[in-house]
């Protein structure tokens, strides 16, 4: 049996150990146990789960630079269109809608008749048309092209850009620049006048015998080789081709058949608004062995409308529209028709709504002396924000642009008549 002295000594050792723990001291045995526990934790990964990093710090992160991952993630999440809009809004000062010169300059930039410096969002279609005309000039071969698409999709503007690029390319490549004839079919008093215009462009200054129609003269000219003509080609751009289809299809067929003669030098580009018109006359042209190549211009999307508006407003050194207002216009127009001309008209209407609002507020302030005397700092800030076209202005302009006349007529009727129509 152990002695009483041994037991008392062990009891004293336990008490001294507890006292040392209460004083915050660590015994060698405690350090050894902790080191053993660490060893066990390293050996069994299940008992010691790894610390999970925040997902924000894990994206594009490195151990040395943990904060750069958040910045990169934010940069990736931002849309380039919205970033450009925010930059324009912050970099440019707000315009003064009370300044007549600034208002007229903005309206001119947004006018349908104002041609932009570059036809954006139609690069692929322009390249296809340009490559087609370029191949015709290089091979000295006639050809026909049919460009169709809904109104306001940039067809006429793209043809103008292609025409300029084609003439510049021909000069640089050493070819004779083609003679260009651009005409709007709706301006013709008679559909047969189109052949007269082609004849005058082909042989300027030459008098045509009155007994011979211009069409027959062109057919005879392209049926035999003319040494005086050389290898010079002629580019014919017939816009609003729908007019010929509805008025006189025979003229349309004869026009495309000019490209089938053995010595023809015509590069014909017909531009029409309706897409389904191709199904009406293309089978007939195919049977006549003069089926043209078809290029379709799709309706503009929301991002394309937004980009075109941005490109036009780059010429203005002021912030005119709030970014959300421009995005609302682009979304609504893209969902309705994709007509860029409609978007430009809506933006101009929104500016006019802002002008009317400012005129009304000025009249109220001048008539009420108390309101005119109360000029606090927040009121000044609010007035400064009202200098740009907001989302509420754009919403009113959109409702006016897409308002149905049938709905307006029904709303103007008495209530009992509206109820009877609803039944």
Protein backbone atom coordinates (compact mmCIF):
# COMPACT_ATOMS: atom_id res chain seq x y z
CA UNK A 1 0.00 0.00 0.00
CA UNK A 2 1.25 3.44 -0.74
CA UNK A 3 2.30 5.50 2.17
CA UNK A 4 0.38 8.48 3.52
CA UNK A 5 3.33 10.72 2.67
CA UNK A 6 3.19 9.62 -0.97
CA UNK A 7 -0.52 10.37 -1.24
CA UNK A 8 -0.13 13.75 0.34
CA UNK A 9 2.69 14.59 -2.03
CA UNK A 10 0.59 13.64 -5.05
CA UNK A 11 -2.32 15.72 -3.77
CA UNK A 12 -0.01 18.70 -3.37
CA UNK A 13 1.27 18.24 -6.93
CA UNK A 14 -2.29 18.27 -8.31
CA UNK A 15 -3.12 21.43 -6.37
CA UNK A 16 0.04 23.14 -7.57
CA UNK A 17 -0.87 22.20 -11.17
CA UNK A 18 -4.36 23.71 -10.78
CA UNK A 19 -2.91 26.87 -9.28
CA UNK A 20 -0.45 27.22 -12.16
CA UNK A 21 -3.29 26.80 -14.68
CA UNK A 22 -5.33 29.49 -12.96
CA UNK A 23 -2.36 31.84 -13.15
CA UNK A 24 -2.08 31.35 -16.91
CA UNK A 25 1.09 29.22 -16.86
CA UNK A 26 1.60 26.34 -19.24
CA UNK A 27 3.34 23.20 -18.19
CA UNK A 28 5.67 21.21 -20.44
CA UNK A 29 3.09 18.40 -20.44
CA UNK A 30 0.44 20.80 -21.72
CA UNK A 31 2.68 21.95 -24.55
CA UNK A 32 3.44 18.38 -25.43
CA UNK A 33 -0.24 17.46 -25.55
CA UNK A 34 -1.05 20.44 -27.76
CA UNK A 35 1.72 19.53 -30.18
CA UNK A 36 0.40 15.99 -30.29
CA UNK A 37 -3.09 17.29 -31.04
CA UNK A 38 -1.71 19.35 -33.91
CA UNK A 39 -0.01 16.26 -35.26
CA UNK A 40 -3.26 14.33 -35.15
CA UNK A 41 -5.10 17.16 -36.88
CA UNK A 42 -2.60 17.19 -39.73
CA UNK A 43 -2.81 13.45 -40.15
CA UNK A 44 -6.66 13.29 -40.36
CA UNK A 45 -8.20 15.83 -42.71
CA UNK A 46 -11.75 14.89 -41.71
CA UNK A 47 -11.31 16.02 -38.11
CA UNK A 48 -9.85 19.38 -39.18
CA UNK A 49 -11.82 21.02 -42.05
CA UNK A 50 -9.92 23.55 -44.10
CA UNK A 51 -10.78 27.19 -43.79
CA UNK A 52 -12.99 28.26 -46.70
CA UNK A 53 -12.16 31.41 -48.55
CA UNK A 54 -14.76 33.95 -49.42
CA UNK A 55 -15.98 33.49 -53.02
CA UNK A 56 -15.22 37.11 -53.73
CA UNK A 57 -11.59 36.57 -52.79
CA UNK A 58 -11.35 33.32 -54.72
CA UNK A 59 -12.13 34.78 -58.14
CA UNK A 60 -8.90 35.62 -59.97
CA UNK A 61 -7.16 35.70 -56.60
CA UNK A 62 -3.67 34.95 -55.54
CA UNK A 63 -2.30 34.52 -51.99
CA UNK A 64 -0.32 37.72 -52.27
CA UNK A 65 -3.06 39.98 -53.60
CA UNK A 66 -6.42 39.02 -52.10
CA UNK A 67 -8.12 42.36 -52.73
CA UNK A 68 -7.54 42.42 -56.50
CA UNK A 69 -10.02 39.60 -57.02
CA UNK A 70 -12.95 41.74 -55.93
CA UNK A 71 -11.95 44.55 -58.23
CA UNK A 72 -11.59 42.16 -61.18
CA UNK A 73 -14.94 40.58 -60.42
CA UNK A 74 -16.65 43.95 -60.40
CA UNK A 75 -15.01 44.86 -63.70
CA UNK A 76 -16.18 41.61 -65.28
CA UNK A 77 -19.74 41.99 -64.04
CA UNK A 78 -20.16 45.47 -65.49
CA UNK A 79 -21.65 45.57 -68.95
CA UNK A 80 -19.56 47.55 -71.48
CA UNK A 81 -22.64 49.47 -72.61
CA UNK A 82 -23.60 50.49 -69.08
CA UNK A 83 -19.98 51.35 -68.29
CA UNK A 84 -19.83 53.61 -71.32
CA UNK A 85 -23.09 55.24 -70.33
CA UNK A 86 -21.90 55.90 -66.79
CA UNK A 87 -18.62 57.31 -68.06
CA UNK A 88 -20.39 59.67 -70.45
CA UNK A 89 -22.74 60.81 -67.70
CA UNK A 90 -19.91 61.51 -65.27
CA UNK A 91 -17.38 62.98 -67.70
CA UNK A 92 -19.65 65.35 -69.62
CA UNK A 93 -21.33 68.29 -67.94
CA UNK A 94 -25.10 68.54 -68.03
CA UNK A 95 -26.50 70.63 -70.82
CA UNK A 96 -28.68 73.70 -70.46
CA UNK A 97 -32.09 72.98 -72.00
CA UNK A 98 -32.89 76.69 -71.77
CA UNK A 99 -30.10 77.45 -74.25
CA UNK A 100 -31.61 77.55 -77.73
CA UNK A 101 -28.31 76.77 -79.46
CA UNK A 102 -27.64 73.67 -77.38
CA UNK A 103 -31.18 72.37 -77.88
CA UNK A 104 -31.06 72.89 -81.64
CA UNK A 105 -27.64 71.19 -81.84
CA UNK A 106 -28.90 68.10 -79.99
CA UNK A 107 -32.07 67.91 -82.07
CA UNK A 108 -30.05 68.16 -85.26
CA UNK A 109 -27.81 65.27 -84.17
CA UNK A 110 -30.88 63.15 -83.42
CA UNK A 111 -32.69 64.05 -86.64
CA UNK A 112 -33.48 61.27 -89.11
CA UNK A 113 -32.07 63.20 -92.05
CA UNK A 114 -28.70 63.72 -90.32
CA UNK A 115 -26.31 61.07 -91.61
CA UNK A 116 -23.93 59.77 -88.91
CA UNK A 117 -20.21 59.63 -89.48
CA UNK A 118 -20.19 55.83 -89.41
CA UNK A 119 -22.89 53.20 -89.94
CA UNK A 120 -22.37 51.07 -86.84
CA UNK A 121 -23.96 47.67 -86.15
CA UNK A 122 -24.15 46.90 -89.90
CA UNK A 123 -20.54 45.97 -90.57
CA UNK A 124 -21.30 42.40 -91.65
CA UNK A 125 -24.00 43.39 -94.14
CA UNK A 126 -21.84 46.17 -95.57
CA UNK A 127 -18.94 43.78 -96.01
CA UNK A 128 -21.10 41.30 -97.93
CA UNK A 129 -22.38 44.00 -100.29
CA UNK A 130 -18.87 45.42 -100.74
CA UNK A 131 -17.36 42.00 -101.47
CA UNK A 132 -20.07 41.32 -104.05
CA UNK A 133 -19.45 44.61 -105.90
CA UNK A 134 -15.70 44.19 -105.62
CA UNK A 135 -15.85 40.74 -107.23
CA UNK A 136 -17.95 42.12 -110.10
CA UNK A 137 -15.40 44.85 -110.79
CA UNK A 138 -12.43 42.50 -110.61
CA UNK A 139 -14.04 39.94 -112.92
CA UNK A 140 -15.63 42.61 -115.15
CA UNK A 141 -18.91 40.78 -114.77
CA UNK A 142 -22.43 42.10 -114.25
CA UNK A 143 -24.46 41.04 -111.25
CA UNK A 144 -27.57 41.81 -109.23
CA UNK A 145 -28.19 42.06 -105.50
CA UNK A 146 -31.44 42.34 -103.57
CA UNK A 147 -31.25 44.06 -100.15
CA UNK A 148 -34.38 43.76 -98.02
CA UNK A 149 -35.34 44.56 -94.48
CA UNK A 150 -37.86 46.36 -92.32
CA UNK A 151 -37.95 50.18 -92.38
CA UNK A 152 -35.32 51.92 -90.30
CA UNK A 153 -32.73 49.13 -90.32
CA UNK A 154 -29.93 51.10 -92.03
CA UNK A 155 -30.24 49.82 -95.60
CA UNK A 156 -29.97 53.15 -97.45
CA UNK A 157 -27.24 54.41 -95.12
CA UNK A 158 -25.23 51.24 -95.62
CA UNK A 159 -25.51 51.53 -99.39
CA UNK A 160 -24.08 55.06 -99.22
CA UNK A 161 -21.13 53.85 -97.18
CA UNK A 162 -20.51 50.93 -99.52
CA UNK A 163 -20.64 53.23 -102.53
CA UNK A 164 -17.96 55.51 -101.07
CA UNK A 165 -15.73 52.61 -100.04
CA UNK A 166 -16.07 50.96 -103.44
CA UNK A 167 -14.99 54.06 -105.34
CA UNK A 168 -12.02 54.58 -103.00
CA UNK A 169 -10.98 50.94 -103.30
CA UNK A 170 -11.14 51.03 -107.12
CA UNK A 171 -8.82 54.04 -107.22
CA UNK A 172 -6.31 52.44 -104.87
CA UNK A 173 -6.42 49.03 -106.60
CA UNK A 174 -5.85 50.47 -110.06
CA UNK A 175 -9.33 49.80 -111.46
CA UNK A 176 -11.53 52.35 -113.13
CA UNK A 177 -14.00 53.70 -110.56
CA UNK A 178 -17.54 52.67 -111.51
CA UNK A 179 -20.17 55.15 -112.57
CA UNK A 180 -22.68 55.36 -109.73
CA UNK A 181 -26.40 55.95 -110.26
CA UNK A 182 -28.47 56.26 -107.09
CA UNK A 183 -32.20 56.80 -107.51
CA UNK A 184 -35.34 56.58 -105.43
CA UNK A 185 -38.05 54.74 -107.34
CA UNK A 186 -40.83 56.72 -105.64
CA UNK A 187 -39.54 59.91 -107.30
CA UNK A 188 -40.20 58.54 -110.79
CA UNK A 189 -43.26 59.93 -112.53
CA UNK A 190 -43.28 56.85 -114.76
CA UNK A 191 -41.67 53.55 -113.95
CA UNK A 192 -40.11 53.36 -117.40
CA UNK A 193 -38.06 56.49 -116.66
CA UNK A 194 -35.59 54.34 -114.80
CA UNK A 195 -34.15 53.08 -118.09
CA UNK A 196 -33.78 56.62 -119.36
CA UNK A 197 -31.74 57.51 -116.29
CA UNK A 198 -29.54 54.45 -116.79
CA UNK A 199 -29.01 55.37 -120.44
CA UNK A 200 -28.08 58.96 -119.60
CA UNK A 201 -25.57 57.75 -117.02
CA UNK A 202 -24.16 55.13 -119.36
CA UNK A 203 -23.73 57.45 -122.33
CA UNK A 204 -23.90 61.04 -121.11
CA UNK A 205 -24.61 63.71 -123.69
CA UNK A 206 -25.76 61.25 -126.35
CA UNK A 207 -29.16 61.89 -127.88
CA UNK A 208 -31.47 58.93 -128.07
CA UNK A 209 -33.67 58.39 -131.10
CA UNK A 210 -37.26 59.09 -130.16
CA UNK A 211 -38.52 56.03 -131.98
CA UNK A 212 -36.33 53.67 -129.93
CA UNK A 213 -37.32 53.23 -126.27
CA UNK A 214 -34.50 53.54 -123.72
CA UNK A 215 -34.96 49.92 -122.66
CA UNK A 216 -34.49 48.61 -126.17
CA UNK A 217 -31.49 50.86 -126.66
CA UNK A 218 -29.86 49.43 -123.50
CA UNK A 219 -30.61 45.87 -124.58
CA UNK A 220 -29.00 46.48 -127.96
CA UNK A 221 -26.05 48.15 -126.29
CA UNK A 222 -25.38 45.27 -123.88
CA UNK A 223 -25.94 42.62 -126.56
CA UNK A 224 -22.89 43.65 -128.59
CA UNK A 225 -19.39 44.51 -127.53
CA UNK A 226 -18.61 48.21 -127.38
CA UNK A 227 -14.95 49.15 -127.64
CA UNK A 228 -15.58 52.66 -126.40
CA UNK A 229 -17.00 51.39 -123.10
CA UNK A 230 -13.85 49.54 -122.10
CA UNK A 231 -13.96 47.79 -118.71
CA UNK A 232 -15.71 50.54 -116.80
CA UNK A 233 -18.60 49.28 -114.70
CA UNK A 234 -21.75 51.04 -113.58
CA UNK A 235 -23.25 50.68 -110.10
CA UNK A 236 -27.03 51.15 -109.99
CA UNK A 237 -28.65 51.53 -106.55
CA UNK A 238 -32.45 51.43 -106.87
CA UNK A 239 -33.94 52.39 -103.50
CA UNK A 240 -37.59 51.83 -102.56
CA UNK A 241 -37.91 48.95 -104.99
CA UNK A 242 -41.33 48.18 -103.50
CA UNK A 243 -42.73 50.93 -105.71
CA UNK A 244 -41.79 49.04 -108.87
CA UNK A 245 -43.15 45.78 -107.53
CA UNK A 246 -46.58 47.25 -106.79
CA UNK A 247 -46.80 49.51 -109.86
CA UNK A 248 -45.24 47.64 -112.74
CA UNK A 249 -43.53 44.31 -112.29
CA UNK A 250 -42.58 44.16 -115.96
CA UNK A 251 -40.24 47.12 -115.42
CA UNK A 252 -38.72 45.33 -112.45
CA UNK A 253 -38.05 42.17 -114.44
CA UNK A 254 -36.56 44.13 -117.36
CA UNK A 255 -34.31 46.02 -114.94
CA UNK A 256 -32.83 42.85 -113.45
CA UNK A 257 -32.54 41.24 -116.87
CA UNK A 258 -30.10 43.98 -117.93
CA UNK A 259 -27.45 42.13 -115.89
CA UNK A 260 -27.89 38.94 -117.95
CA UNK A 261 -26.74 40.29 -121.31
CA UNK A 262 -23.28 39.10 -122.43
CA UNK A 263 -21.64 42.55 -122.52
CA UNK A 264 -23.52 44.15 -119.67
CA UNK A 265 -21.52 46.28 -117.24
CA UNK A 266 -24.28 46.83 -114.67
CA UNK A 267 -24.02 46.06 -110.97
CA UNK A 268 -27.63 46.36 -109.81
CA UNK A 269 -28.54 46.71 -106.12
CA UNK A 270 -32.26 46.79 -105.39
CA UNK A 271 -33.30 47.98 -101.93
CA UNK A 272 -36.77 47.20 -100.56
CA UNK A 273 -38.42 47.46 -97.15
CA UNK A 274 -40.59 44.35 -97.05
CA UNK A 275 -38.93 40.97 -96.65
CA UNK A 276 -41.80 38.92 -98.09
CA UNK A 277 -41.58 40.71 -101.44
CA UNK A 278 -38.62 38.51 -102.31
CA UNK A 279 -40.93 35.49 -102.40
CA UNK A 280 -43.25 37.26 -104.83
CA UNK A 281 -40.85 38.08 -107.65
CA UNK A 282 -37.74 35.95 -107.03
CA UNK A 283 -39.27 32.78 -108.56
CA UNK A 284 -40.04 34.70 -111.74
CA UNK A 285 -36.51 36.12 -111.85
CA UNK A 286 -35.12 32.63 -111.33
CA UNK A 287 -37.06 31.37 -114.32
CA UNK A 288 -35.58 34.24 -116.34
CA UNK A 289 -32.07 33.23 -115.22
CA UNK A 290 -31.47 36.52 -113.38
CA UNK A 291 -32.08 35.62 -109.74
CA UNK A 292 -30.22 38.11 -107.54
CA UNK A 293 -28.26 37.44 -104.40
CA UNK A 294 -30.36 38.31 -101.31
CA UNK A 295 -29.03 40.10 -98.20
CA UNK A 296 -31.46 40.67 -95.33
CA UNK A 297 -31.12 43.47 -92.78
CA UNK A 298 -32.56 42.31 -89.47
CA UNK A 299 -34.36 44.62 -87.06
CA UNK A 300 -32.11 46.38 -84.56
CA UNK A 301 -31.77 44.86 -81.10
CA UNK A 302 -31.78 46.75 -77.82
CA UNK A 303 -28.00 46.88 -77.57
CA UNK A 304 -27.64 48.02 -81.18
CA UNK A 305 -30.14 50.86 -80.75
CA UNK A 306 -28.38 51.93 -77.57
CA UNK A 307 -25.00 51.92 -79.30
CA UNK A 308 -26.26 53.96 -82.25
CA UNK A 309 -27.75 56.56 -79.92
CA UNK A 310 -24.45 56.77 -78.07
CA UNK A 311 -22.50 57.23 -81.29
CA UNK A 312 -24.75 60.08 -82.35
CA UNK A 313 -24.57 61.81 -78.96
CA UNK A 314 -20.76 61.68 -78.96
CA UNK A 315 -20.88 64.79 -81.14
CA UNK A 316 -22.57 66.68 -78.28
CA UNK A 317 -20.23 67.91 -75.50
CA UNK A 318 -22.97 67.63 -72.87
CA UNK A 319 -24.97 64.96 -71.08
CA UNK A 320 -28.49 65.15 -72.43
CA UNK A 321 -30.12 61.85 -71.44
CA UNK A 322 -30.03 59.84 -68.26
CA UNK A 323 -28.63 56.35 -69.01
CA UNK A 324 -31.79 54.62 -67.79
CA UNK A 325 -33.91 56.82 -70.06
CA UNK A 326 -31.86 55.80 -73.11
CA UNK A 327 -32.05 52.15 -72.12
CA UNK A 328 -35.84 52.39 -71.76
CA UNK A 329 -36.12 53.86 -75.24
CA UNK A 330 -33.91 51.15 -76.72
CA UNK A 331 -35.84 48.34 -75.04
CA UNK A 332 -39.26 49.60 -76.06
CA UNK A 333 -38.35 50.35 -79.69
CA UNK A 334 -36.52 47.02 -80.09
CA UNK A 335 -39.50 45.12 -78.71
CA UNK A 336 -41.97 46.99 -80.92
CA UNK A 337 -40.30 47.26 -84.33
CA UNK A 338 -36.52 47.70 -84.16
CA UNK A 339 -36.89 50.86 -86.25
CA UNK A 340 -33.98 53.20 -85.56
CA UNK A 341 -35.85 56.16 -87.02
CA UNK A 342 -38.57 55.60 -84.43
CA UNK A 343 -35.99 55.69 -81.64
CA UNK A 344 -34.60 59.00 -82.91
CA UNK A 345 -38.09 60.52 -83.05
CA UNK A 346 -38.83 59.34 -79.50
CA UNK A 347 -35.62 60.93 -78.20
CA UNK A 348 -36.47 64.24 -79.85
CA UNK A 349 -39.97 64.07 -78.38
CA UNK A 350 -38.54 63.46 -74.91
CA UNK A 351 -36.44 66.62 -75.26
CA UNK A 352 -39.53 68.60 -76.19
CA UNK A 353 -41.34 67.22 -73.13
CA UNK A 354 -38.47 68.41 -70.93
CA UNK A 355 -38.63 71.85 -72.54
CA UNK A 356 -42.38 72.09 -71.89
CA UNK A 357 -41.86 71.04 -68.28
CA UNK A 358 -39.22 73.71 -67.73
CA UNK A 359 -41.41 76.39 -69.29
CA UNK A 360 -44.32 75.42 -67.04
CA UNK A 361 -42.14 75.44 -63.92
CA UNK A 362 -40.79 78.88 -64.84
CA UNK A 363 -44.31 80.28 -65.15
CA UNK A 364 -45.30 78.85 -61.77
CA UNK A 365 -42.20 80.24 -60.07
CA UNK A 366 -42.64 83.71 -61.47
CA UNK A 367 -46.34 83.84 -60.52
CA UNK A 368 -45.77 82.66 -56.96
CA UNK A 369 -43.38 84.98 -55.09
CA UNK A 370 -43.04 82.73 -52.08
CA UNK A 371 -41.76 79.81 -54.10
CA UNK A 372 -39.37 82.04 -55.99
CA UNK A 373 -37.84 83.31 -52.74
CA UNK A 374 -37.32 79.85 -51.22
CA UNK A 375 -34.05 78.75 -52.73
CA UNK A 376 -32.34 76.15 -50.61
CA UNK A 377 -29.41 73.92 -51.44
CA UNK A 378 -31.44 70.73 -52.03
CA UNK A 379 -33.74 72.64 -54.37
CA UNK A 380 -30.75 73.77 -56.43
CA UNK A 381 -29.53 70.20 -56.69
CA UNK A 382 -32.95 69.02 -57.83
CA UNK A 383 -33.07 71.72 -60.48
CA UNK A 384 -29.63 70.65 -61.68
CA UNK A 385 -30.80 67.06 -62.03
CA UNK A 386 -33.85 68.17 -63.97
CA UNK A 387 -31.63 69.60 -66.69
CA UNK A 388 -31.31 66.18 -68.36
CA UNK A 389 -33.97 63.98 -69.92
CA UNK A 390 -35.10 61.58 -67.23
CA UNK A 391 -36.84 58.25 -67.44
CA UNK A 392 -40.28 59.81 -66.84
CA UNK A 393 -39.84 62.10 -69.84
CA UNK A 394 -38.90 59.12 -71.99
CA UNK A 395 -41.89 57.12 -70.77
CA UNK A 396 -44.28 59.89 -71.83
CA UNK A 397 -42.59 60.19 -75.22
CA UNK A 398 -42.83 56.44 -75.77
CA UNK A 399 -46.52 56.38 -74.87
CA UNK A 400 -47.16 59.12 -77.42
CA UNK A 401 -45.13 57.41 -80.12
CA UNK A 402 -46.73 53.99 -79.75
CA UNK A 403 -50.24 55.18 -78.98
CA UNK A 404 -52.91 53.46 -81.03
CA UNK A 405 -55.46 55.74 -82.71
CA UNK A 406 -58.12 53.09 -82.13
CA UNK A 407 -57.51 53.20 -78.38
CA UNK A 408 -57.69 57.00 -78.40
CA UNK A 409 -61.02 56.86 -80.22
CA UNK A 410 -62.44 54.37 -77.72
CA UNK A 411 -61.25 56.45 -74.77
CA UNK A 412 -62.94 59.54 -76.18
CA UNK A 413 -66.33 57.79 -76.28
CA UNK A 414 -68.87 58.11 -73.43
CA UNK A 415 -68.62 55.59 -70.65
CA UNK A 416 -71.76 53.60 -71.54
CA UNK A 417 -70.52 53.20 -75.13
CA UNK A 418 -67.16 51.96 -73.85
CA UNK A 419 -69.00 49.42 -71.68
CA UNK A 420 -71.05 48.23 -74.64
CA UNK A 421 -67.90 47.78 -76.73
CA UNK A 422 -66.31 45.82 -73.91
CA UNK A 423 -69.24 43.44 -73.83
